[in-house]
C-alpha cells in the first residue's frame, strides 16, 4: 500500500528539481541580457571617445 506521506515527499522533491532548473535558466538568461547591454554601452562609449580624439587632433592641428 502507498503511504500518502511518501507521495507528498516525492511530489515536493520533483517540484524542487523543476524549480532549480527554472531558476538556473532564468539566471543564465539574465546574465546574457546584461552582457549584451554592457556590450552596447561599451560600443557607445567607444564611439564617443573616438569623436573626442578626432576633435582633439583637429584642435592640435589648428
N, C-alpha and C. Protein backbone atom coordinates (compact mmCIF):
# COMPACT_ATOMS: atom_id res chain seq x y z
N UNK A 1 0.83 -1.18 0.00
CA UNK A 1 0.00 0.00 0.00
C UNK A 1 0.88 1.25 0.00
N UNK A 2 0.41 2.31 -0.65
CA UNK A 2 1.19 3.54 -0.80
C UNK A 2 0.88 4.48 0.36
N UNK A 3 1.93 4.96 0.98
CA UNK A 3 1.77 5.90 2.07
C UNK A 3 1.64 7.30 1.48
N UNK A 4 0.66 8.07 1.92
CA UNK A 4 0.41 9.40 1.38
C UNK A 4 1.58 10.34 1.66
N UNK A 5 2.29 10.14 2.75
CA UNK A 5 3.47 10.96 3.07
C UNK A 5 4.57 10.77 2.04
N UNK A 6 4.77 9.52 1.59
CA UNK A 6 5.78 9.24 0.57
C UNK A 6 5.43 9.92 -0.75
N UNK A 7 4.16 9.91 -1.11
CA UNK A 7 3.72 10.54 -2.35
C UNK A 7 3.95 12.05 -2.28
N UNK A 8 3.57 12.64 -1.17
CA UNK A 8 3.75 14.09 -1.00
C UNK A 8 5.24 14.43 -1.05
N UNK A 9 6.08 13.63 -0.40
CA UNK A 9 7.51 13.86 -0.40
C UNK A 9 8.07 13.79 -1.82
N UNK A 10 7.65 12.81 -2.60
CA UNK A 10 8.13 12.67 -3.98
C UNK A 10 7.70 13.86 -4.83
N UNK A 11 6.48 14.34 -4.65
CA UNK A 11 5.99 15.49 -5.40
C UNK A 11 6.79 16.74 -5.03
N UNK A 12 7.03 16.93 -3.75
CA UNK A 12 7.79 18.09 -3.30
C UNK A 12 9.21 18.05 -3.85
N UNK A 13 9.86 16.90 -3.83
CA UNK A 13 11.22 16.78 -4.37
C UNK A 13 11.23 17.04 -5.87
N UNK A 14 10.24 16.56 -6.59
CA UNK A 14 10.15 16.81 -8.02
C UNK A 14 9.98 18.31 -8.29
N UNK A 15 9.16 18.98 -7.49
CA UNK A 15 8.97 20.42 -7.64
C UNK A 15 10.27 21.18 -7.36
N UNK A 16 11.04 20.72 -6.37
CA UNK A 16 12.33 21.36 -6.08
C UNK A 16 13.29 21.22 -7.27
N UNK A 17 13.31 20.08 -7.89
CA UNK A 17 14.19 19.86 -9.04
C UNK A 17 13.76 20.76 -10.20
N UNK A 18 12.47 20.83 -10.46
CA UNK A 18 11.95 21.68 -11.53
C UNK A 18 12.26 23.14 -11.21
N UNK A 19 12.04 23.56 -9.98
CA UNK A 19 12.33 24.93 -9.57
C UNK A 19 13.81 25.25 -9.74
N UNK A 20 14.69 24.33 -9.44
CA UNK A 20 16.12 24.54 -9.61
C UNK A 20 16.46 24.81 -11.06
N UNK A 21 15.96 23.99 -11.97
CA UNK A 21 16.29 24.17 -13.39
C UNK A 21 15.67 25.44 -13.96
N UNK A 22 14.48 25.79 -13.52
CA UNK A 22 13.86 27.04 -13.98
C UNK A 22 14.67 28.23 -13.48
N UNK A 23 15.09 28.18 -12.23
CA UNK A 23 15.90 29.26 -11.67
C UNK A 23 17.23 29.38 -12.40
N UNK A 24 17.86 28.27 -12.68
CA UNK A 24 19.13 28.26 -13.40
C UNK A 24 18.96 28.87 -14.79
N UNK A 25 17.90 28.49 -15.47
CA UNK A 25 17.62 29.03 -16.81
C UNK A 25 17.43 30.54 -16.76
N UNK A 26 16.63 31.02 -15.81
CA UNK A 26 16.37 32.45 -15.70
C UNK A 26 17.63 33.22 -15.33
N UNK A 27 18.47 32.64 -14.48
CA UNK A 27 19.72 33.28 -14.08
C UNK A 27 20.64 33.43 -15.29
N UNK A 28 20.79 32.39 -16.07
CA UNK A 28 21.67 32.44 -17.24
C UNK A 28 21.12 33.42 -18.27
N UNK A 29 19.82 33.43 -18.46
CA UNK A 29 19.21 34.37 -19.40
C UNK A 29 19.44 35.81 -18.96
N UNK A 30 19.34 36.06 -17.66
CA UNK A 30 19.61 37.40 -17.14
C UNK A 30 21.05 37.82 -17.34
N UNK A 31 21.97 36.89 -17.15
CA UNK A 31 23.38 37.20 -17.37
C UNK A 31 23.63 37.57 -18.83
N UNK A 32 23.03 36.83 -19.73
CA UNK A 32 23.23 37.10 -21.15
C UNK A 32 22.65 38.46 -21.54
N UNK A 33 21.49 38.80 -20.98
CA UNK A 33 20.90 40.10 -21.30
C UNK A 33 21.77 41.23 -20.79
N UNK A 34 22.28 41.11 -19.58
CA UNK A 34 23.13 42.17 -19.04
C UNK A 34 24.44 42.26 -19.80
N UNK A 35 24.94 41.13 -20.29
CA UNK A 35 26.17 41.15 -21.07
C UNK A 35 25.95 41.88 -22.39
N UNK A 36 24.82 41.66 -23.03
CA UNK A 36 24.50 42.35 -24.28
C UNK A 36 24.37 43.84 -24.02
N UNK A 37 23.74 44.21 -22.91
CA UNK A 37 23.57 45.62 -22.57
C UNK A 37 24.92 46.27 -22.35
N UNK A 38 25.81 45.60 -21.60
CA UNK A 38 27.14 46.15 -21.36
C UNK A 38 27.93 46.29 -22.66
N UNK A 39 27.77 45.33 -23.55
CA UNK A 39 28.47 45.39 -24.83
C UNK A 39 28.00 46.60 -25.63
N UNK A 40 26.71 46.83 -25.67
CA UNK A 40 26.17 48.00 -26.38
C UNK A 40 26.67 49.30 -25.74
N UNK A 41 26.69 49.34 -24.43
CA UNK A 41 27.16 50.54 -23.73
C UNK A 41 28.63 50.80 -24.03
N UNK A 42 29.42 49.74 -24.07
CA UNK A 42 30.85 49.91 -24.39
C UNK A 42 31.04 50.42 -25.81
N UNK A 43 30.23 49.95 -26.74
CA UNK A 43 30.32 50.43 -28.12
C UNK A 43 29.98 51.91 -28.21
N UNK A 44 28.95 52.34 -27.48
CA UNK A 44 28.59 53.76 -27.48
C UNK A 44 29.71 54.61 -26.88
N UNK A 45 30.29 54.13 -25.78
CA UNK A 45 31.40 54.85 -25.15
C UNK A 45 32.59 54.93 -26.09
N UNK A 46 32.88 53.85 -26.78
CA UNK A 46 33.99 53.82 -27.72
C UNK A 46 33.77 54.84 -28.85
N UNK A 47 32.55 54.92 -29.36
CA UNK A 47 32.24 55.90 -30.40
C UNK A 47 32.42 57.33 -29.91
N UNK A 48 31.99 57.60 -28.69
CA UNK A 48 32.15 58.94 -28.12
C UNK A 48 33.63 59.27 -27.94
N UNK A 49 34.39 58.31 -27.47
CA UNK A 49 35.82 58.55 -27.29
C UNK A 49 36.51 58.80 -28.63
N UNK A 50 36.10 58.09 -29.67
CA UNK A 50 36.66 58.32 -31.00
C UNK A 50 36.38 59.76 -31.46
N UNK A 51 35.17 60.24 -31.21
CA UNK A 51 34.84 61.61 -31.59
C UNK A 51 35.69 62.61 -30.81
N UNK A 52 35.89 62.36 -29.53
CA UNK A 52 36.70 63.25 -28.71
C UNK A 52 38.14 63.27 -29.22
N UNK A 53 38.68 62.11 -29.55
CA UNK A 53 40.05 62.03 -30.05
C UNK A 53 40.17 62.78 -31.38
N UNK A 54 39.19 62.62 -32.26
CA UNK A 54 39.22 63.34 -33.54
C UNK A 54 39.18 64.84 -33.31
N UNK A 55 38.33 65.30 -32.38
CA UNK A 55 38.27 66.73 -32.08
C UNK A 55 39.59 67.24 -31.51
N UNK A 56 40.21 66.45 -30.66
CA UNK A 56 41.50 66.84 -30.09
C UNK A 56 42.55 66.96 -31.18
N UNK A 57 42.55 66.01 -32.11
CA UNK A 57 43.54 66.05 -33.20
C UNK A 57 43.29 67.25 -34.11
N UNK A 58 42.05 67.59 -34.38
CA UNK A 58 41.72 68.76 -35.20
C UNK A 58 42.19 70.04 -34.51
N UNK A 59 41.97 70.11 -33.22
CA UNK A 59 42.36 71.32 -32.47
C UNK A 59 43.88 71.44 -32.40
N UNK A 60 44.57 70.33 -32.29
CA UNK A 60 46.03 70.40 -32.18
C UNK A 60 46.65 70.79 -33.53
N UNK A 61 45.98 70.47 -34.65
CA UNK A 61 46.47 70.85 -35.98
C UNK A 61 46.32 72.35 -36.22
N UNK A 62 45.26 72.92 -35.65
CA UNK A 62 44.98 74.36 -35.89
C UNK A 62 45.75 75.24 -34.98
